[in-house]
Amino acid sequence: MSENGKPDCYKCEHRGTLPGSEHSKCTHPLVADLVRDPLFNLAATLASVGRVAPVQVGADKLNIRANYHGIKRGWFNWPMNFDPTWLEQCEGFTPKETV
């Protein structure tokens, strides 16, 4: 969590990366099957460029809440392709282990 109480995906052990993008994907065990699904990945990609409605699949599993503007503009297609800037709440946050 950040100082303002907002989850910081960059410090979460479940943050995955996307090739060629600064966006993130969530690899939390409760949504891992969704993230591996090629159809959902295609839908998230199309949503990020405004070709289909925004994707918010499985958000109820971790009580995900995000800024409406980020969702509407296609920048927050959780868990497959999202900009963590728009994330407001996540109950799946697990801090990365420090060595």
N, C-alpha and C. Protein backbone atom coordinates (compact mmCIF):
# COMPACT_ATOMS: atom_id res chain seq x y z
N MET A 1 0.84 -1.18 0.00
CA MET A 1 0.00 0.00 0.00
C MET A 1 0.88 1.24 0.00
N SER A 2 0.37 2.28 -0.61
CA SER A 2 1.11 3.54 -0.63
C SER A 2 0.74 4.37 0.59
N GLU A 3 1.37 5.51 0.73
CA GLU A 3 1.12 6.36 1.88
C GLU A 3 -0.31 6.88 1.91
N ASN A 4 -0.94 7.04 0.73
CA ASN A 4 -2.31 7.55 0.69
C ASN A 4 -3.36 6.43 0.82
N GLY A 5 -2.94 5.21 1.12
CA GLY A 5 -3.85 4.09 1.30
C GLY A 5 -4.25 3.39 0.02
N LYS A 6 -3.77 3.87 -1.10
CA LYS A 6 -4.07 3.29 -2.40
C LYS A 6 -3.09 2.15 -2.68
N PRO A 7 -3.56 1.00 -3.19
CA PRO A 7 -2.63 -0.10 -3.49
C PRO A 7 -1.58 0.32 -4.52
N ASP A 8 -0.36 -0.12 -4.33
CA ASP A 8 0.72 0.18 -5.26
C ASP A 8 1.12 -1.12 -5.96
N CYS A 9 0.58 -1.33 -7.14
CA CYS A 9 0.83 -2.58 -7.88
C CYS A 9 2.31 -2.84 -8.09
N TYR A 10 3.09 -1.80 -8.22
CA TYR A 10 4.52 -1.97 -8.48
C TYR A 10 5.24 -2.59 -7.28
N LYS A 11 4.60 -2.60 -6.12
CA LYS A 11 5.18 -3.21 -4.93
C LYS A 11 4.47 -4.50 -4.54
N CYS A 12 3.62 -5.01 -5.44
CA CYS A 12 2.85 -6.23 -5.16
C CYS A 12 3.48 -7.43 -5.86
N GLU A 13 3.53 -8.55 -5.16
CA GLU A 13 4.13 -9.75 -5.75
C GLU A 13 3.29 -10.34 -6.88
N HIS A 14 2.05 -9.91 -7.02
CA HIS A 14 1.17 -10.45 -8.06
C HIS A 14 1.14 -9.60 -9.33
N ARG A 15 1.95 -8.55 -9.39
CA ARG A 15 1.97 -7.72 -10.60
C ARG A 15 2.76 -8.42 -11.69
N GLY A 16 2.11 -8.59 -12.82
CA GLY A 16 2.77 -9.12 -14.00
C GLY A 16 2.97 -8.01 -15.02
N THR A 17 3.86 -8.24 -15.96
CA THR A 17 4.13 -7.24 -16.99
C THR A 17 3.54 -7.68 -18.32
N LEU A 18 3.43 -6.72 -19.22
CA LEU A 18 2.95 -6.99 -20.57
C LEU A 18 4.04 -6.60 -21.56
N PRO A 19 4.40 -7.47 -22.47
CA PRO A 19 5.45 -7.14 -23.44
C PRO A 19 5.09 -5.88 -24.24
N GLY A 20 6.02 -4.96 -24.32
CA GLY A 20 5.82 -3.74 -25.10
C GLY A 20 4.90 -2.72 -24.48
N SER A 21 4.61 -2.85 -23.19
CA SER A 21 3.67 -1.95 -22.53
C SER A 21 4.13 -1.65 -21.11
N GLU A 22 3.77 -0.49 -20.63
CA GLU A 22 4.01 -0.15 -19.23
C GLU A 22 2.83 -0.58 -18.36
N HIS A 23 1.76 -1.06 -18.99
CA HIS A 23 0.60 -1.52 -18.24
C HIS A 23 0.95 -2.79 -17.46
N SER A 24 0.03 -3.20 -16.62
CA SER A 24 0.24 -4.36 -15.76
C SER A 24 -0.83 -5.41 -16.02
N LYS A 25 -0.58 -6.60 -15.50
CA LYS A 25 -1.61 -7.62 -15.40
C LYS A 25 -1.51 -8.18 -14.00
N CYS A 26 -2.63 -8.66 -13.49
CA CYS A 26 -2.66 -9.22 -12.14
C CYS A 26 -2.53 -10.73 -12.24
N THR A 27 -1.58 -11.29 -11.51
CA THR A 27 -1.37 -12.75 -11.52
C THR A 27 -1.77 -13.39 -10.19
N HIS A 28 -2.64 -12.70 -9.44
CA HIS A 28 -3.11 -13.24 -8.17
C HIS A 28 -3.74 -14.62 -8.43
N PRO A 29 -3.53 -15.58 -7.54
CA PRO A 29 -4.06 -16.94 -7.75
C PRO A 29 -5.57 -16.99 -8.01
N LEU A 30 -6.34 -16.06 -7.46
CA LEU A 30 -7.79 -16.08 -7.67
C LEU A 30 -8.20 -15.69 -9.09
N VAL A 31 -7.31 -15.05 -9.84
CA VAL A 31 -7.64 -14.64 -11.21
C VAL A 31 -6.63 -15.17 -12.23
N ALA A 32 -5.72 -16.00 -11.80
CA ALA A 32 -4.65 -16.49 -12.69
C ALA A 32 -5.19 -17.21 -13.92
N ASP A 33 -6.27 -17.98 -13.77
CA ASP A 33 -6.84 -18.68 -14.93
C ASP A 33 -7.38 -17.70 -15.96
N LEU A 34 -7.98 -16.61 -15.50
CA LEU A 34 -8.49 -15.59 -16.43
C LEU A 34 -7.36 -14.95 -17.22
N VAL A 35 -6.28 -14.64 -16.54
CA VAL A 35 -5.15 -13.96 -17.17
C VAL A 35 -4.51 -14.84 -18.24
N ARG A 36 -4.55 -16.14 -18.04
CA ARG A 36 -3.96 -17.07 -19.02
C ARG A 36 -4.89 -17.35 -20.20
N ASP A 37 -6.15 -16.96 -20.11
CA ASP A 37 -7.12 -17.24 -21.15
C ASP A 37 -6.91 -16.34 -22.37
N PRO A 38 -6.60 -16.90 -23.54
CA PRO A 38 -6.32 -16.08 -24.72
C PRO A 38 -7.50 -15.22 -25.16
N LEU A 39 -8.72 -15.71 -24.99
CA LEU A 39 -9.89 -14.93 -25.38
C LEU A 39 -10.04 -13.67 -24.52
N PHE A 40 -9.84 -13.81 -23.22
CA PHE A 40 -9.91 -12.64 -22.34
C PHE A 40 -8.78 -11.66 -22.64
N ASN A 41 -7.61 -12.17 -22.97
CA ASN A 41 -6.50 -11.29 -23.34
C ASN A 41 -6.82 -10.51 -24.61
N LEU A 42 -7.43 -11.17 -25.57
CA LEU A 42 -7.83 -10.49 -26.80
C LEU A 42 -8.87 -9.41 -26.49
N ALA A 43 -9.85 -9.74 -25.67
CA ALA A 43 -10.88 -8.76 -25.31
C ALA A 43 -10.27 -7.55 -24.61
N ALA A 44 -9.31 -7.78 -23.72
CA ALA A 44 -8.66 -6.67 -23.02
C ALA A 44 -7.86 -5.80 -23.98
N THR A 45 -7.21 -6.42 -24.94
CA THR A 45 -6.45 -5.66 -25.94
C THR A 45 -7.39 -4.81 -26.78
N LEU A 46 -8.48 -5.39 -27.23
CA LEU A 46 -9.45 -4.63 -28.03
C LEU A 46 -10.10 -3.52 -27.21
N ALA A 47 -10.35 -3.77 -25.94
CA ALA A 47 -10.94 -2.75 -25.08
C ALA A 47 -9.97 -1.59 -24.86
N SER A 48 -8.69 -1.88 -24.80
CA SER A 48 -7.70 -0.82 -24.54
C SER A 48 -7.59 0.16 -25.70
N VAL A 49 -8.07 -0.22 -26.88
CA VAL A 49 -8.05 0.69 -28.03
C VAL A 49 -9.47 1.08 -28.46
N GLY A 50 -10.43 0.85 -27.58
CA GLY A 50 -11.80 1.32 -27.81
C GLY A 50 -12.62 0.52 -28.80
N ARG A 51 -12.22 -0.69 -29.12
CA ARG A 51 -12.97 -1.51 -30.09
C ARG A 51 -14.12 -2.29 -29.46
N VAL A 52 -14.01 -2.57 -28.17
CA VAL A 52 -15.08 -3.24 -27.43
C VAL A 52 -15.21 -2.57 -26.07
N ALA A 53 -16.27 -2.92 -25.36
CA ALA A 53 -16.49 -2.34 -24.03
C ALA A 53 -15.34 -2.71 -23.08
N PRO A 54 -15.07 -1.85 -22.08
CA PRO A 54 -14.01 -2.16 -21.10
C PRO A 54 -14.25 -3.51 -20.42
N VAL A 55 -13.17 -4.18 -20.11
CA VAL A 55 -13.21 -5.51 -19.49
C VAL A 55 -12.92 -5.38 -17.99
N GLN A 56 -13.80 -5.92 -17.17
CA GLN A 56 -13.61 -5.95 -15.72
C GLN A 56 -14.02 -7.33 -15.22
N VAL A 57 -13.35 -8.35 -15.65
CA VAL A 57 -13.71 -9.73 -15.33
C VAL A 57 -13.05 -10.16 -14.03
N GLY A 58 -13.84 -10.71 -13.12
CA GLY A 58 -13.30 -11.24 -11.87
C GLY A 58 -12.95 -10.20 -10.83
N ALA A 59 -13.30 -8.94 -11.05
CA ALA A 59 -12.94 -7.88 -10.11
C ALA A 59 -13.58 -8.08 -8.74
N ASP A 60 -14.72 -8.76 -8.71
CA ASP A 60 -15.39 -9.00 -7.43
C ASP A 60 -14.61 -9.97 -6.54
N LYS A 61 -13.77 -10.81 -7.12
CA LYS A 61 -13.00 -11.78 -6.33
C LYS A 61 -12.02 -11.11 -5.38
N LEU A 62 -11.49 -9.95 -5.76
CA LEU A 62 -10.51 -9.24 -4.93
C LEU A 62 -11.01 -7.86 -4.53
N ASN A 63 -12.31 -7.63 -4.72
CA ASN A 63 -12.93 -6.35 -4.39
C ASN A 63 -12.18 -5.19 -5.04
N ILE A 64 -11.97 -5.29 -6.33
CA ILE A 64 -11.25 -4.28 -7.10
C ILE A 64 -12.16 -3.09 -7.35
N ARG A 65 -11.63 -1.90 -7.12
CA ARG A 65 -12.32 -0.65 -7.44
C ARG A 65 -11.32 0.22 -8.18
N ALA A 66 -11.81 0.89 -9.22
CA ALA A 66 -10.94 1.75 -10.02
C ALA A 66 -11.68 3.02 -10.40
N ASN A 67 -10.92 4.02 -10.78
CA ASN A 67 -11.46 5.30 -11.20
C ASN A 67 -12.27 5.10 -12.49
N TYR A 68 -13.46 5.66 -12.51
CA TYR A 68 -14.36 5.49 -13.65
C TYR A 68 -13.74 6.02 -14.95
N HIS A 69 -13.06 7.13 -14.88
CA HIS A 69 -12.46 7.73 -16.07
C HIS A 69 -11.46 6.78 -16.73
N GLY A 70 -10.62 6.14 -15.91
CA GLY A 70 -9.64 5.19 -16.44
C GLY A 70 -10.30 3.98 -17.09
N ILE A 71 -11.40 3.53 -16.50
CA ILE A 71 -12.13 2.39 -17.07
C ILE A 71 -12.77 2.80 -18.40
N LYS A 72 -13.47 3.91 -18.38
CA LYS A 72 -14.19 4.38 -19.57
C LYS A 72 -13.27 4.63 -20.76
N ARG A 73 -12.06 5.13 -20.50
CA ARG A 73 -11.11 5.43 -21.57
C ARG A 73 -10.35 4.20 -22.06
N GLY A 74 -10.56 3.04 -21.41
CA GLY A 74 -9.90 1.81 -21.85
C GLY A 74 -8.53 1.59 -21.24
N TRP A 75 -8.20 2.34 -20.21
CA TRP A 75 -6.89 2.25 -19.58
C TRP A 75 -6.86 1.31 -18.38
N PHE A 76 -8.02 0.76 -18.03
CA PHE A 76 -8.09 -0.12 -16.87
C PHE A 76 -8.97 -1.33 -17.21
N ASN A 77 -8.38 -2.33 -17.83
CA ASN A 77 -9.06 -3.57 -18.18
C ASN A 77 -8.50 -4.67 -17.28
N TRP A 78 -8.97 -4.66 -16.05
CA TRP A 78 -8.43 -5.54 -15.02
C TRP A 78 -9.01 -6.94 -15.19
N PRO A 79 -8.26 -7.98 -15.04
CA PRO A 79 -6.88 -8.11 -14.59
C PRO A 79 -5.86 -8.25 -15.72
N MET A 80 -6.32 -8.17 -16.98
CA MET A 80 -5.41 -8.50 -18.08
C MET A 80 -4.50 -7.38 -18.56
N ASN A 81 -4.98 -6.15 -18.57
CA ASN A 81 -4.22 -5.06 -19.18
C ASN A 81 -4.70 -3.75 -18.56
N PHE A 82 -3.99 -3.28 -17.55
CA PHE A 82 -4.46 -2.08 -16.87
C PHE A 82 -3.31 -1.19 -16.42
N ASP A 83 -3.61 0.09 -16.33
CA ASP A 83 -2.67 1.07 -15.80
C ASP A 83 -2.96 1.19 -14.30
N PRO A 84 -2.03 0.80 -13.44
CA PRO A 84 -2.25 0.82 -11.99
C PRO A 84 -2.59 2.20 -11.43
N THR A 85 -2.33 3.25 -12.19
CA THR A 85 -2.66 4.60 -11.74
C THR A 85 -4.13 4.71 -11.36
N TRP A 86 -4.99 4.00 -12.07
CA TRP A 86 -6.43 4.12 -11.87
C TRP A 86 -6.97 3.21 -10.77
N LEU A 87 -6.16 2.33 -10.23
CA LEU A 87 -6.60 1.42 -9.17
C LEU A 87 -6.83 2.18 -7.87
N GLU A 88 -7.99 1.97 -7.26
CA GLU A 88 -8.32 2.64 -6.00
C GLU A 88 -8.38 1.67 -4.83
N GLN A 89 -8.74 0.41 -5.10
CA GLN A 89 -8.87 -0.56 -4.02
C GLN A 89 -8.58 -1.96 -4.54
N CYS A 90 -7.86 -2.75 -3.74
CA CYS A 90 -7.57 -4.14 -4.08
C CYS A 90 -7.31 -4.91 -2.79
N GLU A 91 -8.08 -5.96 -2.57
CA GLU A 91 -7.89 -6.77 -1.37
C GLU A 91 -6.91 -7.92 -1.60
N GLY A 92 -6.32 -7.98 -2.79
CA GLY A 92 -5.36 -9.03 -3.09
C GLY A 92 -3.91 -8.57 -3.00
N PHE A 93 -3.70 -7.32 -2.60
CA PHE A 93 -2.34 -6.78 -2.53
C PHE A 93 -1.50 -7.58 -1.54
N THR A 94 -0.35 -8.04 -2.01
CA THR A 94 0.62 -8.75 -1.17
C THR A 94 1.98 -8.13 -1.44
N PRO A 95 2.59 -7.51 -0.43
CA PRO A 95 3.88 -6.85 -0.66
C PRO A 95 4.94 -7.84 -1.13
N LYS A 96 5.79 -7.36 -2.04
CA LYS A 96 6.92 -8.18 -2.48
C LYS A 96 7.85 -8.41 -1.30
N GLU A 97 8.44 -9.59 -1.27
CA GLU A 97 9.41 -9.88 -0.21
C GLU A 97 10.69 -9.11 -0.49
N THR A 98 11.24 -8.52 0.54
CA THR A 98 12.52 -7.83 0.39
C THR A 98 13.64 -8.73 0.90
N VAL A 99 14.73 -8.70 0.21
CA VAL A 99 15.86 -9.57 0.56
C VAL A 99 16.86 -8.80 1.38
